[in-house]
Amino acid sequence: PDLAVEIVSESDHGEAEWALKHERYQASGIGEVVRFDPDDEARPIRVWDRVDDELLERSPESGDLRECQTLGLWWAVVPSAYGPMLRLSRDPRGTDLVPTPGEDRLRLTEALGEERKARAQAEHQQLVEQHARSSAEEALLSAERERAGARAEIAQLRADLAKARGAG
């Protein structure tokens, strides 16, 4: 295995439990171990790397302490409703968090909602334009009918006038 992430809980909070787990990680050949203790405000994150076949802890003062070399990301401790939470970030400052599956679903749902809204607005605009074209076409047809009616009336009047002149 390349990476192990250990989240400390009430049942394994002690150093004796950690020493046993550390031995197991050492024997497994794992390349990087991250231990997150949400209750440790001073050092919530501790990291071990495999160097010359031995897991060695990174210095707490190291600028690389929060780098996850295995994933090419950075660890970030962020507040949540449940207390401090360990998250992955695309940047060392922890401002560009990798979304959780729930955040991904929400973002996708919002994106689909925006897409649907944009599609509905486009369809509405098309209907408005179709209505405007239909109204314009109807107005042209109506005007043409009026002109045709007027031409027919003029023709009838001319015919009536010609009859009246021929009779008189």
Protein backbone atom coordinates (compact mmCIF):
# COMPACT_ATOMS: atom_id res chain seq x y z
CA PRO A 1 0.00 0.00 0.00
CA ASP A 2 1.05 3.58 -0.65
CA LEU A 3 -0.94 5.60 1.88
CA ALA A 4 -2.69 5.07 5.20
CA VAL A 5 -4.84 7.66 6.95
CA GLU A 6 -5.42 7.16 10.65
CA ILE A 7 -8.23 9.12 12.30
CA VAL A 8 -7.77 9.03 16.07
CA SER A 9 -10.87 8.15 18.05
CA GLU A 10 -11.64 7.78 21.74
CA SER A 11 -10.88 4.04 21.62
CA ASP A 12 -7.36 4.40 20.20
CA HIS A 13 -6.26 7.73 21.60
CA GLY A 14 -3.35 6.43 23.66
CA GLU A 15 0.29 6.16 22.61
CA ALA A 16 0.37 2.41 23.34
CA GLU A 17 -2.34 1.79 20.73
CA TRP A 18 -0.49 4.03 18.27
CA ALA A 19 2.82 2.25 18.85
CA LEU A 20 1.19 -1.08 17.95
CA LYS A 21 -0.41 0.39 14.82
CA HIS A 22 2.87 2.04 13.84
CA GLU A 23 4.59 -1.36 14.01
CA ARG A 24 1.92 -2.80 11.72
CA TYR A 25 2.33 0.06 9.25
CA GLN A 26 6.10 -0.42 9.36
CA ALA A 27 5.75 -4.15 8.63
CA SER A 28 3.25 -3.55 5.81
CA GLY A 29 5.77 -1.57 3.76
CA ILE A 30 3.38 1.36 3.42
CA GLY A 31 4.98 4.50 1.97
CA GLU A 32 3.17 7.30 3.80
CA VAL A 33 1.10 7.39 7.01
CA VAL A 34 -1.05 10.32 8.12
CA ARG A 35 -2.42 10.45 11.65
CA PHE A 36 -5.16 12.98 12.37
CA ASP A 37 -6.21 13.73 15.94
CA PRO A 38 -9.08 16.25 15.93
CA ASP A 39 -8.69 16.77 19.68
CA ASP A 40 -5.02 17.77 19.45
CA GLU A 41 -5.15 21.50 18.77
CA ALA A 42 -1.35 21.87 18.80
CA ARG A 43 -0.54 18.99 16.38
CA PRO A 44 -3.68 17.64 14.74
CA ILE A 45 -1.68 16.19 11.82
CA ARG A 46 1.36 13.94 12.04
CA VAL A 47 2.94 12.35 8.96
CA TRP A 48 5.44 9.49 8.50
CA ASP A 49 7.31 8.70 5.28
CA ARG A 50 9.17 5.54 4.33
CA VAL A 51 12.88 6.35 4.14
CA ASP A 52 15.36 3.53 3.66
CA ASP A 53 12.68 0.96 4.58
CA GLU A 54 11.73 2.73 7.81
CA LEU A 55 8.76 4.98 8.62
CA LEU A 56 10.16 8.29 9.87
CA GLU A 57 8.00 11.08 11.24
CA ARG A 58 8.15 14.47 9.55
CA SER A 59 9.16 17.37 11.72
CA PRO A 60 6.20 19.40 13.03
CA GLU A 61 8.04 22.53 11.87
CA SER A 62 8.47 21.19 8.33
CA GLY A 63 6.90 23.27 5.58
CA ASP A 64 6.05 19.95 3.94
CA LEU A 65 4.20 18.60 6.98
CA ARG A 66 0.79 18.82 5.33
CA GLU A 67 1.85 17.69 1.86
CA CYS A 68 0.45 14.33 0.80
CA GLN A 69 3.26 13.18 -1.46
CA THR A 70 1.38 10.04 -2.48
CA LEU A 71 -1.58 11.96 -3.90
CA GLY A 72 0.12 15.21 -4.88
CA LEU A 73 -2.28 17.15 -2.65
CA TRP A 74 -2.20 18.79 0.81
CA TRP A 75 -3.95 17.95 4.06
CA ALA A 76 -6.15 20.64 5.59
CA VAL A 77 -7.95 20.81 8.91
CA VAL A 78 -11.28 22.54 8.46
CA PRO A 79 -14.06 23.29 10.90
CA SER A 80 -17.34 21.43 10.59
CA ALA A 81 -20.52 20.93 12.58
CA TYR A 82 -18.85 17.81 14.06
CA GLY A 83 -15.58 19.49 14.99
CA PRO A 84 -12.28 19.68 13.10
CA MET A 85 -12.28 17.58 9.94
CA LEU A 86 -9.37 16.31 7.83
CA ARG A 87 -9.73 17.23 4.17
CA LEU A 88 -7.56 17.21 1.06
CA SER A 89 -6.73 20.42 -0.76
CA ARG A 90 -5.25 21.23 -4.13
CA ASP A 91 -3.17 24.04 -2.64
CA PRO A 92 -0.84 24.24 0.38
CA ARG A 93 -3.00 26.88 2.14
CA GLY A 94 -6.04 24.58 2.14
CA THR A 95 -8.29 27.01 0.27
CA ASP A 96 -9.03 24.80 -2.78
CA LEU A 97 -10.55 21.75 -1.08
CA VAL A 98 -11.13 18.53 -2.99
CA PRO A 99 -14.91 18.10 -2.89
CA THR A 100 -16.47 15.28 -0.93
CA PRO A 101 -18.91 12.99 -2.80
CA GLY A 102 -21.80 14.91 -1.22
CA GLU A 103 -20.36 18.24 -2.36
CA ASP A 104 -19.85 16.79 -5.84
CA ARG A 105 -23.50 15.68 -5.98
CA LEU A 106 -24.68 19.08 -4.77
CA ARG A 107 -22.50 20.89 -7.32
CA LEU A 108 -23.75 18.59 -10.09
CA THR A 109 -27.35 19.10 -9.00
CA GLU A 110 -26.83 22.88 -8.99
CA ALA A 111 -25.11 22.73 -12.38
CA LEU A 112 -27.96 20.64 -13.80
CA GLY A 113 -30.44 23.09 -12.27
CA GLU A 114 -28.63 26.00 -13.91
CA GLU A 115 -28.48 24.09 -17.19
CA ARG A 116 -32.20 23.34 -17.00
CA LYS A 117 -32.93 26.96 -16.14
CA ALA A 118 -30.84 28.18 -19.09
CA ARG A 119 -32.52 25.65 -21.39
CA ALA A 120 -35.99 26.74 -20.16
CA GLN A 121 -35.08 30.40 -20.70
CA ALA A 122 -33.85 29.60 -24.23
CA GLU A 123 -37.05 27.68 -24.97
CA HIS A 124 -39.13 30.56 -23.60
CA GLN A 125 -37.20 33.01 -25.78
CA GLN A 126 -37.80 30.79 -28.82
CA LEU A 127 -41.54 30.71 -28.05
CA VAL A 128 -41.59 34.50 -27.68
CA GLU A 129 -39.81 34.86 -31.02
CA GLN A 130 -42.16 32.34 -32.68
CA HIS A 131 -45.15 34.22 -31.29
CA ALA A 132 -43.72 37.51 -32.56
CA ARG A 133 -43.17 35.98 -36.03
CA SER A 134 -46.67 34.48 -36.02
CA SER A 135 -48.16 37.82 -34.98
CA ALA A 136 -46.21 39.61 -37.71
CA GLU A 137 -47.28 37.03 -40.29
CA GLU A 138 -50.89 37.30 -39.14
CA ALA A 139 -50.70 41.09 -39.40
CA LEU A 140 -49.30 40.80 -42.94
CA LEU A 141 -52.03 38.33 -43.92
CA SER A 142 -54.70 40.57 -42.42
CA ALA A 143 -53.33 43.60 -44.27
CA GLU A 144 -53.22 41.58 -47.50
CA ARG A 145 -56.84 40.48 -46.96
CA GLU A 146 -57.85 44.11 -46.36
CA ARG A 147 -56.02 45.19 -49.54
CA ALA A 148 -57.64 42.37 -51.51
CA GLY A 149 -61.05 43.36 -50.11
CA ALA A 150 -60.39 46.99 -50.94
CA ARG A 151 -59.31 46.05 -54.50
CA ALA A 152 -62.46 43.94 -54.91
CA GLU A 153 -64.60 46.82 -53.61
CA ILE A 154 -62.87 49.27 -55.97
CA ALA A 155 -63.39 46.87 -58.88
CA GLN A 156 -67.08 46.56 -57.96
CA LEU A 157 -67.45 50.35 -57.71
CA ARG A 158 -65.77 50.77 -61.11
CA ALA A 159 -68.10 48.18 -62.57
CA ASP A 160 -71.10 49.92 -61.00
CA LEU A 161 -69.85 53.29 -62.30
CA ALA A 162 -69.33 51.89 -65.80
CA LYS A 163 -72.89 50.51 -65.77
CA ALA A 164 -74.27 53.80 -64.54
CA ARG A 165 -72.45 55.70 -67.29
CA GLY A 166 -73.58 53.23 -69.94
CA ALA A 167 -77.21 53.52 -68.84
CA GLY A 168 -77.13 57.29 -68.76
